[in-house]
Protein backbone atom coordinates (compact mmCIF):
# COMPACT_ATOMS: atom_id res chain seq x y z
CA MET A 1 33.63 -15.98 -22.77
CA SER A 2 34.48 -15.89 -19.07
CA ALA A 3 32.36 -13.97 -16.59
CA ASP A 4 35.27 -11.62 -15.83
CA THR A 5 35.68 -10.76 -19.52
CA LYS A 6 31.96 -10.20 -19.96
CA ILE A 7 31.82 -7.95 -16.89
CA ALA A 8 34.77 -5.93 -18.20
CA GLU A 9 33.00 -5.46 -21.55
CA LEU A 10 29.77 -4.41 -19.85
CA LEU A 11 31.62 -1.91 -17.69
CA THR A 12 33.16 -0.37 -20.80
CA GLU A 13 29.72 -0.13 -22.43
CA LEU A 14 28.29 1.39 -19.25
CA HIS A 15 31.08 4.01 -19.23
CA GLN A 16 30.18 5.02 -22.79
CA LEU A 17 26.48 5.21 -21.90
CA ILE A 18 27.22 7.44 -18.92
CA LYS A 19 29.19 9.78 -21.20
CA GLN A 20 26.23 9.86 -23.61
CA THR A 21 23.94 10.66 -20.69
CA GLN A 22 26.06 13.65 -19.72
CA GLU A 23 26.23 14.89 -23.31
CA GLU A 24 22.46 14.62 -23.65
CA ARG A 25 21.96 16.43 -20.36
CA SER A 26 24.26 19.27 -21.44
CA ARG A 27 22.24 19.75 -24.62
CA SER A 28 18.95 19.78 -22.74
CA GLU A 29 20.26 22.28 -20.15
CA HIS A 30 20.94 24.78 -22.93
CA ASN A 31 17.33 24.52 -24.10
CA LEU A 32 16.00 24.80 -20.53
CA LEU A 33 18.02 27.97 -20.10
CA ASN A 34 16.37 29.40 -23.22
CA ILE A 35 12.96 28.60 -21.75
CA GLN A 36 13.85 30.41 -18.52
CA LYS A 37 15.16 33.47 -20.38
CA THR A 38 12.04 33.60 -22.55
CA HIS A 39 9.79 33.61 -19.48
CA GLU A 40 11.91 36.36 -17.92
CA ARG A 41 11.53 38.51 -21.06
CA MET A 42 7.77 37.95 -21.01
CA GLN A 43 7.61 39.09 -17.39
CA THR A 44 9.73 42.14 -18.16
CA GLU A 45 7.54 43.15 -21.09
CA ASN A 46 4.42 42.12 -19.17
CA LYS A 47 2.78 40.60 -22.23
CA THR A 48 2.35 37.27 -24.00
CA SER A 49 2.61 37.89 -27.69
CA PRO A 50 2.00 35.29 -30.45
CA TYR A 51 5.76 35.35 -31.03
CA TYR A 52 6.52 34.24 -27.46
CA ARG A 53 3.74 31.61 -27.50
CA THR A 54 5.13 30.10 -30.71
CA LYS A 55 8.70 30.24 -29.40
CA LEU A 56 7.78 28.61 -26.09
CA ARG A 57 5.78 25.90 -27.83
CA GLY A 58 8.86 25.00 -29.87
CA LEU A 59 11.18 25.14 -26.87
CA TYR A 60 8.93 22.93 -24.75
CA THR A 61 8.56 20.44 -27.60
CA THR A 62 12.34 20.24 -27.83
CA ALA A 63 12.65 19.93 -24.03
CA LYS A 64 10.20 17.02 -24.04
CA ALA A 65 12.15 15.24 -26.78
CA ASP A 66 15.42 15.87 -24.90
CA ALA A 67 13.94 14.43 -21.69
CA GLU A 68 12.69 11.32 -23.50
CA ALA A 69 16.11 10.80 -25.12
CA GLU A 70 17.88 11.14 -21.76
CA CYS A 71 15.36 8.80 -20.16
CA SER A 72 16.02 6.19 -22.84
CA ILE A 73 19.78 6.34 -22.25
CA LEU A 74 19.30 6.12 -18.48
CA ARG A 75 17.16 3.00 -18.89
CA HIS A 76 19.97 1.46 -20.94
CA ASP A 77 22.35 2.42 -18.09
CA LEU A 78 20.11 0.62 -15.59
CA ASP A 79 19.87 -2.46 -17.82
CA LYS A 80 23.66 -2.65 -18.02
CA ILE A 81 24.00 -2.26 -14.24
CA ALA A 82 21.42 -5.02 -13.67
CA GLU A 83 23.29 -7.30 -16.09
CA ILE A 84 26.59 -6.64 -14.31
CA LYS A 85 25.06 -7.29 -10.88
CA SER A 86 23.52 -10.53 -12.18
CA LEU A 87 26.90 -11.76 -13.44
CA LEU A 88 28.57 -10.81 -10.15
CA GLU A 89 25.87 -12.71 -8.25
CA GLU A 90 26.32 -15.76 -10.47
CA ARG A 91 30.06 -15.65 -9.85
CA ARG A 92 29.51 -15.34 -6.08
CA ILE A 93 27.13 -18.31 -6.05
CA ALA A 94 29.53 -20.42 -8.12
CA ALA A 95 32.38 -19.61 -5.72
CA LYS A 96 30.19 -20.44 -2.73
CA MET A 97 29.06 -23.77 -4.19
CA ALA A 98 32.66 -24.65 -5.03
CA GLY A 99 33.63 -23.91 -1.45
CA VAL A 100 30.75 -25.95 -0.03
CA TYR A 101 31.27 -29.05 -2.15
CA SER A 102 35.04 -29.15 -2.59
CA ASP A 103 36.72 -31.57 -0.20
CA SER A 104 40.22 -30.56 -1.28
CA ASP A 105 39.93 -26.91 -0.27
CA PRO A 106 40.47 -25.90 3.36
CA PRO A 107 37.31 -24.81 5.19
CA ARG A 108 36.47 -21.16 4.69
CA LYS A 109 36.79 -18.90 7.72
CA THR A 110 33.56 -17.78 9.28
CA MET A 111 32.78 -14.16 8.47
CA ARG A 112 32.88 -11.85 11.47
CA ARG A 113 29.49 -10.65 12.65
CA GLY A 114 30.31 -6.98 12.10
CA VAL A 115 31.41 -7.63 8.51
CA LEU A 116 28.27 -9.69 7.83
CA MET A 117 26.00 -6.95 9.17
CA THR A 118 27.73 -4.35 7.02
CA LEU A 119 27.38 -6.49 3.89
CA LEU A 120 23.70 -7.16 4.60
CA GLN A 121 23.05 -3.46 5.09
CA GLN A 122 24.81 -2.62 1.84
CA SER A 123 22.91 -5.35 0.01
CA ALA A 124 19.54 -4.01 1.16
CA MET A 125 20.42 -0.36 0.58
CA THR A 126 21.61 -1.03 -2.97
CA LEU A 127 18.41 -2.74 -4.07
CA PRO A 128 17.53 -1.12 -7.41
CA LEU A 129 14.80 1.51 -7.41
CA TRP A 130 11.85 0.49 -9.57
CA ILE A 131 11.44 3.04 -12.36
CA GLY A 132 8.43 2.17 -14.46
CA LYS A 133 7.10 3.81 -17.59
CA PRO A 134 4.08 6.15 -17.33
CA GLY A 135 1.05 4.10 -16.29
CA GLU A 136 3.10 0.98 -15.51
CA SER A 137 2.36 -0.67 -12.17
CA PRO A 138 5.13 -1.87 -9.84
CA PRO A 139 5.87 -5.59 -10.34
CA PRO A 140 5.71 -8.32 -7.70
CA LEU A 141 8.51 -8.06 -5.10
CA CYS A 142 8.72 -4.30 -5.53
CA GLY A 143 8.47 -2.82 -2.04
CA ALA A 144 5.36 -4.19 -0.37
CA VAL A 145 4.01 -5.94 -3.49
CA PRO A 146 4.10 -9.68 -2.67
CA ALA A 147 5.30 -12.40 -5.00
CA SER A 148 2.74 -14.15 -7.19
CA GLY A 149 1.31 -17.42 -5.91
CA ASP A 150 3.34 -19.56 -8.33
CA TYR A 151 6.60 -17.66 -7.85
CA VAL A 152 9.69 -19.75 -7.15
CA ALA A 153 12.69 -17.98 -5.64
CA LYS A 154 15.92 -18.43 -7.57
CA GLN A 155 19.22 -19.78 -6.32
CA GLY A 156 20.98 -17.05 -4.36
CA ASP A 157 17.78 -15.10 -3.57
CA LYS A 158 17.41 -13.79 -0.03
CA VAL A 159 14.27 -14.99 1.78
CA ALA A 160 12.66 -15.00 5.19
CA ALA A 161 12.61 -18.64 6.33
CA ARG A 162 10.66 -20.10 9.26
CA VAL A 163 12.88 -22.64 11.01
CA LYS A 164 13.01 -24.49 14.32
CA ALA A 165 15.52 -23.15 16.80
CA VAL A 166 17.69 -25.29 19.07
CA ASP A 167 15.17 -24.93 21.90
CA GLY A 168 12.35 -26.15 19.65
CA ASP A 169 10.75 -22.76 19.14
CA GLU A 170 10.18 -21.50 15.63
CA GLN A 171 11.66 -18.28 14.33
CA TRP A 172 12.01 -16.39 11.08
CA ILE A 173 15.59 -16.02 9.86
CA LEU A 174 17.29 -14.43 6.87
CA ALA A 175 18.34 -17.20 4.50
CA GLU A 176 19.66 -17.74 0.99
CA VAL A 177 18.05 -20.12 -1.48
CA VAL A 178 20.22 -23.07 -2.48
CA SER A 179 17.69 -24.97 -4.59
CA TYR A 180 14.01 -25.75 -5.08
CA SER A 181 12.48 -29.16 -5.72
CA HIS A 182 9.37 -28.92 -7.93
CA SER A 183 8.48 -32.54 -7.19
CA ALA A 184 8.60 -32.11 -3.41
CA ASN A 185 7.58 -28.41 -3.41
CA LYS A 186 10.38 -27.70 -0.97
CA TYR A 187 13.31 -25.32 -0.75
CA GLU A 188 16.81 -25.92 0.47
CA VAL A 189 18.08 -22.74 2.12
CA ASP A 190 21.21 -21.76 4.02
CA ASP A 191 21.14 -19.66 7.15
CA ILE A 192 22.80 -16.39 6.12
CA ASP A 193 24.56 -16.30 9.50
CA GLU A 194 27.68 -18.37 8.90
CA GLU A 195 28.15 -19.01 12.61
CA GLY A 196 25.28 -21.48 12.41
CA LYS A 197 26.20 -22.89 8.99
CA GLU A 198 22.85 -24.66 8.90
CA ARG A 199 21.00 -25.85 5.83
CA HIS A 200 17.24 -26.25 6.06
CA THR A 201 14.73 -28.09 3.88
CA LEU A 202 11.46 -26.17 4.06
CA SER A 203 8.06 -26.16 2.40
CA ARG A 204 6.99 -23.14 0.36
CA ARG A 205 4.66 -21.90 3.11
CA ARG A 206 7.71 -21.44 5.35
CA ILE A 207 9.43 -19.17 2.83
CA ILE A 208 8.70 -15.49 2.11
CA PRO A 209 10.61 -14.04 -0.86
CA LEU A 210 12.10 -10.65 0.00
CA PRO A 211 11.70 -7.49 -2.12
CA GLN A 212 13.98 -7.20 -5.14
CA TRP A 213 13.24 -3.54 -5.90
CA LYS A 214 12.70 -0.45 -3.79
CA ALA A 215 9.46 1.42 -4.43
CA ASN A 216 9.49 5.14 -5.14
CA PRO A 217 7.21 6.89 -2.60
CA GLU A 218 6.65 9.80 -4.99
CA THR A 219 5.53 7.77 -8.00
CA ASP A 220 4.40 4.40 -6.58
CA PRO A 221 3.03 5.01 -3.06
CA GLU A 222 0.71 2.02 -3.44
CA ALA A 223 3.79 -0.23 -3.35
CA LEU A 224 4.78 0.91 0.15
CA PHE A 225 3.94 -0.73 3.44
CA SER A 226 1.17 1.30 5.04
CA LYS A 227 1.13 2.77 8.54
CA ASP A 228 0.25 0.18 11.23
CA GLN A 229 0.67 -2.71 8.79
CA LEU A 230 1.93 -5.91 10.42
CA VAL A 231 5.25 -7.01 8.91
CA LEU A 232 8.36 -9.04 9.57
CA ALA A 233 11.36 -6.77 10.08
CA LEU A 234 15.00 -7.74 10.42
CA TYR A 235 16.15 -6.87 13.94
CA PRO A 236 19.20 -4.58 14.00
CA GLN A 237 22.56 -6.36 14.16
CA THR A 238 20.91 -9.79 13.82
CA THR A 239 19.72 -12.09 11.06
CA CYS A 240 16.36 -12.77 12.75
CA PHE A 241 13.00 -11.29 11.80
CA TYR A 242 10.44 -10.12 14.33
CA ARG A 243 6.81 -9.08 14.09
CA ALA A 244 6.42 -5.32 13.92
CA LEU A 245 4.03 -2.56 12.93
CA ILE A 246 4.95 0.07 10.39
CA HIS A 247 5.26 3.44 12.13
CA THR A 248 6.21 5.80 9.29
CA PRO A 249 6.38 4.90 5.60
CA PRO A 250 9.06 6.79 3.63
CA HIS A 251 7.87 9.95 1.88
CA ARG A 252 10.64 10.34 -0.67
CA VAL A 253 13.63 8.58 -2.16
CA SER A 254 16.74 9.62 -0.25
CA GLY A 255 20.42 8.99 -0.71
CA SER A 256 20.48 6.79 2.39
CA ALA A 257 17.60 4.70 0.98
CA ARG A 258 16.01 4.29 4.38
CA PRO A 259 12.93 2.06 4.40
CA ALA A 260 9.93 2.31 6.66
CA ARG A 261 10.36 2.82 10.40
CA VAL A 262 8.67 0.30 12.67
CA LEU A 263 7.00 0.45 16.06
CA LYS A 264 8.15 -1.32 19.24
CA CYS A 265 11.77 -0.72 18.41
CA LYS A 266 13.56 2.64 18.30
CA ILE A 267 15.45 2.25 15.06
CA ASN A 268 15.73 4.54 12.07
CA ARG A 269 16.28 1.87 9.47
CA THR A 270 16.04 -1.87 8.88
CA PHE A 271 17.72 -4.10 6.36
CA TRP A 272 14.62 -5.81 5.01
CA VAL A 273 10.90 -5.73 5.68
CA ALA A 274 8.56 -8.47 4.49
CA VAL A 275 4.78 -8.97 4.49
CA PHE A 276 3.75 -11.08 7.45
């Protein structure tokens, strides 16, 4: 089965799951309305009779079951979305590798800087939000949680890479993993900025895997970068990282998905922040 066919099937399944989510939510809203009306009657009568206590106990039990059912469907939604994104990423990597290694195809045009910056911003802002089960800790590469010591970044993963510049100085750049050699313990990475079109072979200590999930400040504050923590932050409108201090960690999940603000630079958002 081709990737396009599989993606089409997954999108159809996701559409059905979203419809189920809405149906489940409509059922639960009816029960929540009954709970509200029952409380209003209790306040009007200014008493809590055994009848109301029994009724509320049943309503809240139903509400809990409804919430768990909706949560289960939503987790299936997220699994489908993750599977679709994975297939799209595999297709992108395959197309890139075909373009890099095919001598018959004409060279691909360099992406304009403005377009690249927009795509990078969208990529960072659409990182999935980690939603764990009760009592479950955020995994490695969620927010500020670093990768495990034996972690190997996969092909296509975005990383911070320490490379030598033309003038001989070293700098941290945003790069994409091409491959990893277990025998040499070295990565091959491409500079994400196509103007340079450089490929670097680097040891593991020169690579920092970037977060793959956003952390929820309301449920997993321990997975956030703390105030005054030293980090590497991607400088606005560039693909270079710089050393910075966290000024204000986020306090809630917002639609704009803005990460932590940093000192020494008057910006309201960055694309990626990594542990330094």
